[in-house]
Amino acid sequence: MHRTYSLRSQRAPTAAQLQSPPPPPSSTKSKFFGKGSISHSFRKSAAGALGPELSRKLAQLIKMEKNLMRSIEITAGERKEVAKQLSLWGEGNDDDISDITDKLGVLIYEVGELEDQFIDRYDQYRITLKSIRDIEGSVQPSRERKQKITDQIAYLKYKDPQSPKINVLEQELVRAEAESLVAEAQLSNITREKLKTAFNYQFDSIREHSEKIALIAGYGKALLELLDESPVTPGETRPAYDGYEASKQIIIDAENALASWTFDSAVVRPTLSLAAHEDDEYDVDELAEETENLQVTEQEWAEEHEAKVAV
């Protein structure tokens, strides 16, 4: 986390953040036009109307992804402001509400930080798609040249079947077809390679973001357990709040969990029901055991953290 344990004090980077600097900022983040504009729809339509015909559809997809990421950027900024306002509102309430809303604000602010990081990682997917767009654009001229020569030959055979230009054009067509075969093979190979790489970037960023958000949600619910919601009668004094150390420890635990998260420690793992083996048989017992081992219930998680708080 990029802060101390309260939004009401100066934020400072953690040791983990200093050791592992974040990725470079996304190229989609707004630098001049501010938050949102009609340029979203303009970029989308322009991408589909300009450039080589072969690459227009992918170019439009890339621009749409850019719009999506700028929308996430706006959401991240708004979420941070919401976190600050929550802490500001809670400060004037009773001690328990003041402390818990401040700590909740820390967690919600971290969600906004994660969304910013998500944009930077997700942008690697979009950049990789550009390489497919570029190769599509480079193939277009060879296709057009081959088609142009073919049309010229057909025209001459119709108008002047004895024209000596026909032989010359047919030789050019042979060379054009050879060049086109090379270009088409490169397109086929690069498209498959880059498509796989691009969506690995996307799904890795989604997976990391989702699991960290789930962690924050869990620690947020642990904070809520410190709030005494038992009703009091008029004139009765509510017991003094003594959860300061516990709430701080929850934030520390959340910080440690986020800093130590890796793909190897991910809780959610897919289980494919149609995972065929070489002998075309399915190991049902193995899949069932894997699913049982990977399922972590909310109740178990809550009990574990209640035990930590009690200690």
Protein backbone atom coordinates (compact mmCIF):
# COMPACT_ATOMS: atom_id res chain seq x y z
CA MET A 1 0.00 0.00 0.00
CA HIS A 2 1.19 3.52 -0.76
CA ARG A 3 0.30 5.00 2.60
CA THR A 4 0.52 4.69 6.36
CA TYR A 5 -2.43 3.20 8.23
CA SER A 6 -4.66 6.27 8.02
CA LEU A 7 -5.87 8.53 5.24
CA ARG A 8 -5.55 11.39 7.70
CA SER A 9 -1.76 11.20 7.76
CA GLN A 10 0.92 11.36 5.10
CA ARG A 11 1.06 8.42 2.72
CA ALA A 12 4.40 6.68 2.34
CA PRO A 13 5.57 3.84 0.09
CA THR A 14 6.17 0.47 1.69
CA ALA A 15 9.43 -1.46 1.50
CA ALA A 16 7.82 -3.86 -0.98
CA GLN A 17 6.91 -0.99 -3.30
CA LEU A 18 10.42 0.43 -3.08
CA GLN A 19 11.95 -2.94 -3.94
CA SER A 20 9.50 -3.65 -6.80
CA PRO A 21 8.77 -0.44 -8.69
CA PRO A 22 5.44 -0.37 -10.55
CA PRO A 23 5.33 -0.81 -14.34
CA PRO A 24 5.58 2.29 -16.53
CA PRO A 25 2.38 4.33 -16.79
CA SER A 26 -0.04 3.28 -19.50
CA SER A 27 0.15 5.18 -22.76
CA THR A 28 -3.63 5.60 -22.60
CA LYS A 29 -3.72 7.75 -19.49
CA SER A 30 -5.03 11.24 -20.14
CA LYS A 31 -2.35 13.91 -20.24
CA PHE A 32 -4.01 16.86 -21.95
CA PHE A 33 -7.73 16.48 -22.45
CA GLY A 34 -8.62 15.65 -18.87
CA LYS A 35 -11.18 13.14 -17.70
CA GLY A 36 -13.25 11.94 -20.59
CA SER A 37 -14.38 13.71 -23.73
CA ILE A 38 -16.22 13.17 -26.99
CA SER A 39 -12.88 12.00 -28.37
CA HIS A 40 -13.87 8.46 -27.30
CA SER A 41 -16.46 8.09 -30.03
CA PHE A 42 -14.33 10.01 -32.53
CA ARG A 43 -11.32 7.72 -32.05
CA LYS A 44 -13.50 4.63 -32.40
CA SER A 45 -15.11 5.74 -35.66
CA ALA A 46 -11.89 7.14 -37.12
CA ALA A 47 -10.00 3.90 -36.47
CA GLY A 48 -12.56 1.97 -38.49
CA ALA A 49 -12.48 4.38 -41.41
CA LEU A 50 -8.77 5.08 -41.84
CA GLY A 51 -5.76 2.92 -42.59
CA PRO A 52 -5.47 -0.28 -44.66
CA GLU A 53 -8.76 -2.10 -45.03
CA LEU A 54 -7.34 -5.38 -43.71
CA SER A 55 -6.36 -3.84 -40.37
CA ARG A 56 -9.37 -1.56 -39.79
CA LYS A 57 -11.37 -3.93 -37.61
CA LEU A 58 -8.44 -4.63 -35.31
CA ALA A 59 -7.52 -0.94 -35.26
CA GLN A 60 -11.06 -0.18 -34.10
CA LEU A 61 -10.77 -2.82 -31.35
CA ILE A 62 -7.50 -1.27 -30.15
CA LYS A 63 -9.10 2.18 -29.99
CA MET A 64 -12.10 0.78 -28.11
CA GLU A 65 -9.72 -0.78 -25.58
CA LYS A 66 -8.07 2.61 -25.18
CA ASN A 67 -11.45 4.16 -24.42
CA LEU A 68 -12.15 1.39 -21.91
CA MET A 69 -8.87 1.97 -20.10
CA ARG A 70 -9.47 5.71 -19.88
CA SER A 71 -12.87 4.97 -18.35
CA ILE A 72 -11.17 2.76 -15.75
CA GLU A 73 -8.74 5.60 -15.06
CA ILE A 74 -11.67 7.92 -14.30
CA THR A 75 -13.21 5.28 -12.03
CA ALA A 76 -9.91 4.86 -10.16
CA GLY A 77 -9.67 8.59 -9.50
CA GLU A 78 -13.28 8.82 -8.34
CA ARG A 79 -12.79 5.84 -6.01
CA LYS A 80 -9.85 7.53 -4.31
CA GLU A 81 -11.93 10.64 -3.77
CA VAL A 82 -14.73 8.50 -2.32
CA ALA A 83 -12.24 6.93 0.11
CA LYS A 84 -11.06 10.34 1.29
CA GLN A 85 -14.62 11.56 1.75
CA LEU A 86 -15.55 8.48 3.77
CA SER A 87 -12.64 9.11 6.13
CA LEU A 88 -13.52 12.80 6.34
CA TRP A 89 -17.15 12.02 7.24
CA GLY A 90 -16.23 9.43 9.84
CA GLU A 91 -13.77 11.71 11.61
CA GLY A 92 -16.57 13.65 13.29
CA ASN A 93 -18.38 10.55 14.59
CA ASP A 94 -17.86 8.35 17.65
CA ASP A 95 -14.46 6.80 18.21
CA ASP A 96 -15.35 3.39 16.75
CA ILE A 97 -16.95 4.82 13.61
CA SER A 98 -14.12 7.32 13.21
CA ASP A 99 -11.43 4.66 13.39
CA ILE A 100 -13.19 2.06 11.25
CA THR A 101 -14.23 4.47 8.49
CA ASP A 102 -10.67 5.74 8.32
CA LYS A 103 -9.34 2.21 7.92
CA LEU A 104 -12.08 1.38 5.40
CA GLY A 105 -11.01 4.47 3.50
CA VAL A 106 -7.47 3.11 3.40
CA LEU A 107 -8.71 -0.13 1.84
CA ILE A 108 -10.99 1.60 -0.65
CA TYR A 109 -8.20 3.97 -1.62
CA GLU A 110 -6.04 0.93 -2.27
CA VAL A 111 -8.71 -0.38 -4.65
CA GLY A 112 -8.25 2.82 -6.64
CA GLU A 113 -4.49 2.29 -6.62
CA LEU A 114 -4.97 -1.27 -7.87
CA GLU A 115 -7.16 0.01 -10.68
CA ASP A 116 -4.36 2.37 -11.72
CA GLN A 117 -1.89 -0.52 -11.67
CA PHE A 118 -4.37 -2.64 -13.62
CA ILE A 119 -4.42 -0.05 -16.40
CA ASP A 120 -0.64 -0.13 -16.69
CA ARG A 121 -0.55 -3.94 -16.91
CA TYR A 122 -3.59 -4.20 -19.17
CA ASP A 123 -1.95 -1.81 -21.60
CA GLN A 124 0.63 -4.48 -22.41
CA TYR A 125 -2.22 -6.48 -23.96
CA ARG A 126 -3.29 -3.54 -26.11
CA ILE A 127 0.27 -2.80 -27.23
CA THR A 128 0.75 -6.42 -28.29
CA LEU A 129 -2.41 -6.28 -30.40
CA LYS A 130 -0.85 -3.37 -32.27
CA SER A 131 1.84 -5.69 -33.64
CA ILE A 132 -0.90 -7.78 -35.28
CA ARG A 133 -2.48 -4.63 -36.67
CA ASP A 134 0.86 -3.53 -38.11
CA ILE A 135 1.50 -6.84 -39.89
CA GLU A 136 -2.05 -6.77 -41.25
CA GLY A 137 -1.38 -3.32 -42.62
CA SER A 138 1.87 -4.46 -44.26
CA VAL A 139 0.15 -7.41 -45.96
CA GLN A 140 -2.54 -5.25 -47.53
CA PRO A 141 -0.29 -3.73 -50.28
CA SER A 142 0.84 -7.17 -51.51
CA ARG A 143 -2.78 -8.31 -51.77
CA GLU A 144 -3.74 -5.17 -53.64
CA ARG A 145 -0.78 -5.48 -56.04
CA LYS A 146 -1.63 -9.09 -56.87
CA GLN A 147 -5.28 -8.18 -57.43
CA LYS A 148 -4.35 -5.21 -59.61
CA ILE A 149 -2.14 -7.34 -61.88
CA THR A 150 -4.84 -10.01 -62.11
CA ASP A 151 -7.39 -7.38 -63.16
CA GLN A 152 -5.02 -5.97 -65.78
CA ILE A 153 -4.42 -9.40 -67.29
CA ALA A 154 -8.14 -10.10 -67.44
CA TYR A 155 -8.79 -6.73 -69.09
CA LEU A 156 -6.11 -7.25 -71.74
CA LYS A 157 -7.28 -10.78 -72.52
CA TYR A 158 -10.74 -9.36 -73.12
CA LYS A 159 -9.67 -6.31 -75.13
CA ASP A 160 -6.50 -7.51 -76.87
CA PRO A 161 -5.82 -11.24 -76.45
CA GLN A 162 -2.63 -10.97 -78.58
CA SER A 163 -1.09 -8.15 -76.58
CA PRO A 164 2.60 -8.80 -75.63
CA LYS A 165 1.94 -7.11 -72.28
CA ILE A 166 0.03 -10.18 -71.14
CA ASN A 167 3.20 -12.27 -70.84
CA VAL A 168 4.97 -9.49 -68.95
CA LEU A 169 2.06 -9.11 -66.55
CA GLU A 170 1.83 -12.86 -66.01
CA GLN A 171 5.50 -12.91 -64.96
CA GLU A 172 4.85 -10.02 -62.59
CA LEU A 173 1.87 -11.93 -61.23
CA VAL A 174 4.07 -14.94 -60.46
CA ARG A 175 6.45 -12.70 -58.46
CA ALA A 176 3.55 -10.94 -56.75
CA GLU A 177 2.01 -14.27 -55.76
CA ALA A 178 5.33 -15.44 -54.30
CA GLU A 179 5.65 -12.23 -52.27
CA SER A 180 2.04 -12.58 -51.17
CA LEU A 181 2.61 -16.16 -50.00
CA VAL A 182 5.49 -15.01 -47.80
CA ALA A 183 3.47 -12.11 -46.38
CA GLU A 184 0.42 -14.30 -45.73
CA ALA A 185 2.57 -16.89 -43.93
CA GLN A 186 4.07 -14.17 -41.73
CA LEU A 187 0.60 -12.83 -40.99
CA SER A 188 -0.66 -16.27 -40.02
CA ASN A 189 2.30 -17.01 -37.75
CA ILE A 190 2.52 -13.61 -36.07
CA THR A 191 -1.24 -13.37 -35.54
CA ARG A 192 -1.32 -16.63 -33.59
CA GLU A 193 1.80 -15.85 -31.59
CA LYS A 194 0.82 -12.30 -30.67
CA LEU A 195 -2.84 -13.14 -30.03
CA LYS A 196 -1.80 -15.71 -27.45
CA THR A 197 0.72 -13.35 -25.87
CA ALA A 198 -1.73 -10.44 -25.80
CA PHE A 199 -4.53 -12.30 -24.08
CA ASN A 200 -2.11 -13.86 -21.62
CA TYR A 201 -1.26 -10.28 -20.64
CA GLN A 202 -4.95 -9.43 -20.34
CA PHE A 203 -5.98 -12.47 -18.31
CA ASP A 204 -2.93 -12.22 -16.04
CA SER A 205 -3.77 -8.59 -15.25
CA ILE A 206 -7.45 -9.46 -14.67
CA ARG A 207 -6.51 -12.38 -12.46
CA GLU A 208 -4.09 -10.38 -10.32
CA HIS A 209 -6.50 -7.47 -10.01
CA SER A 210 -9.48 -9.67 -9.11
CA GLU A 211 -7.65 -11.67 -6.47
CA LYS A 212 -6.24 -8.56 -4.81
CA ILE A 213 -9.68 -6.94 -4.82
CA ALA A 214 -11.07 -10.08 -3.16
CA LEU A 215 -8.35 -9.83 -0.50
CA ILE A 216 -9.24 -6.22 0.23
CA ALA A 217 -12.95 -7.09 0.45
CA GLY A 218 -12.15 -9.81 2.99
CA TYR A 219 -10.10 -7.50 5.19
CA GLY A 220 -12.80 -4.85 4.90
CA LYS A 221 -15.37 -7.28 6.29
CA ALA A 222 -12.96 -8.12 9.10
CA LEU A 223 -12.86 -4.40 9.99
CA LEU A 224 -16.65 -4.32 10.16
CA GLU A 225 -16.58 -7.03 12.84
CA LEU A 226 -14.94 -4.50 15.16
CA LEU A 227 -18.01 -2.26 14.99
CA ASP A 228 -20.35 -2.71 17.95
CA GLU A 229 -23.84 -2.63 16.45
CA SER A 230 -25.70 -3.65 19.60
CA PRO A 231 -28.49 -1.14 20.33
CA VAL A 232 -28.37 1.12 23.39
CA THR A 233 -31.30 2.55 25.29
CA PRO A 234 -31.76 6.30 25.77
CA GLY A 235 -29.32 7.51 28.42
CA GLU A 236 -27.20 4.37 28.25
CA THR A 237 -23.48 4.81 27.54
CA ARG A 238 -21.93 2.65 24.88
CA PRO A 239 -18.78 0.78 25.99
CA ALA A 240 -15.52 2.52 25.12
CA TYR A 241 -14.01 1.51 21.83
CA ASP A 242 -10.79 -0.48 22.15
CA GLY A 243 -10.26 -1.71 18.61
CA TYR A 244 -7.49 0.63 17.52
CA GLU A 245 -4.73 -1.96 17.62
CA ALA A 246 -6.95 -4.60 16.03
CA SER A 247 -7.95 -2.33 13.14
CA LYS A 248 -4.35 -1.33 12.57
CA GLN A 249 -3.31 -4.98 12.53
CA ILE A 250 -5.97 -5.78 9.93
CA ILE A 251 -4.53 -3.07 7.67
CA ILE A 252 -1.02 -4.44 8.24
CA ASP A 253 -2.25 -7.93 7.36
CA ALA A 254 -3.91 -6.58 4.24
CA GLU A 255 -0.71 -4.81 3.24
CA ASN A 256 1.35 -7.97 3.74
CA ALA A 257 -1.16 -10.11 1.83
CA LEU A 258 -1.16 -7.76 -1.16
CA ALA A 259 2.63 -7.42 -1.16
CA SER A 260 3.22 -11.17 -0.99
CA TRP A 261 0.57 -12.20 -3.54
CA THR A 262 1.89 -14.16 -6.52
CA PHE A 263 0.29 -16.22 -9.27
CA ASP A 264 1.60 -19.35 -7.53
CA SER A 265 -0.31 -18.43 -4.36
CA ALA A 266 -3.54 -17.60 -6.22
CA VAL A 267 -6.60 -19.12 -4.54
CA VAL A 268 -8.90 -19.33 -7.54
CA ARG A 269 -7.78 -21.84 -10.15
CA PRO A 270 -9.83 -23.12 -13.09
CA THR A 271 -10.92 -26.74 -13.18
CA LEU A 272 -11.75 -27.99 -16.66
CA SER A 273 -14.49 -30.61 -16.75
CA LEU A 274 -13.43 -31.66 -20.24
CA ALA A 275 -9.70 -31.93 -19.56
CA ALA A 276 -8.83 -34.88 -21.78
CA HIS A 277 -5.78 -37.02 -21.11
CA GLU A 278 -3.69 -38.75 -23.70
CA ASP A 279 -5.76 -41.91 -23.28
CA ASP A 280 -9.00 -39.92 -23.73
CA GLU A 281 -10.08 -40.74 -20.15
CA TYR A 282 -10.84 -38.31 -17.36
CA ASP A 283 -9.36 -38.56 -13.88
CA VAL A 284 -12.53 -37.54 -12.04
CA ASP A 285 -11.15 -38.24 -8.56
CA GLU A 286 -8.13 -36.05 -9.20
CA LEU A 287 -10.27 -33.15 -10.44
CA ALA A 288 -12.65 -33.46 -7.49
CA GLU A 289 -9.77 -33.53 -5.01
CA GLU A 290 -8.20 -30.48 -6.65
CA THR A 291 -11.46 -28.55 -6.44
CA GLU A 292 -11.97 -29.50 -2.79
CA ASN A 293 -8.45 -28.41 -1.86
CA LEU A 294 -8.75 -25.09 -3.65
CA GLN A 295 -12.11 -24.05 -2.23
CA VAL A 296 -11.71 -21.59 0.63
CA THR A 297 -14.97 -20.56 2.21
CA GLU A 298 -15.68 -17.11 3.50
CA GLN A 299 -16.50 -18.58 6.91
CA GLU A 300 -13.07 -20.22 7.22
CA TRP A 301 -11.37 -16.98 6.26
CA ALA A 302 -13.38 -14.99 8.77
CA GLU A 303 -12.65 -17.47 11.58
CA GLU A 304 -8.95 -17.27 10.87
CA HIS A 305 -8.87 -13.49 11.11
CA GLU A 306 -11.10 -13.38 14.15
CA ALA A 307 -8.54 -15.61 15.85
CA LYS A 308 -5.75 -13.19 14.88
CA VAL A 309 -7.69 -10.24 16.22
CA ALA A 310 -8.42 -12.05 19.47
CA VAL A 311 -4.70 -12.70 19.98
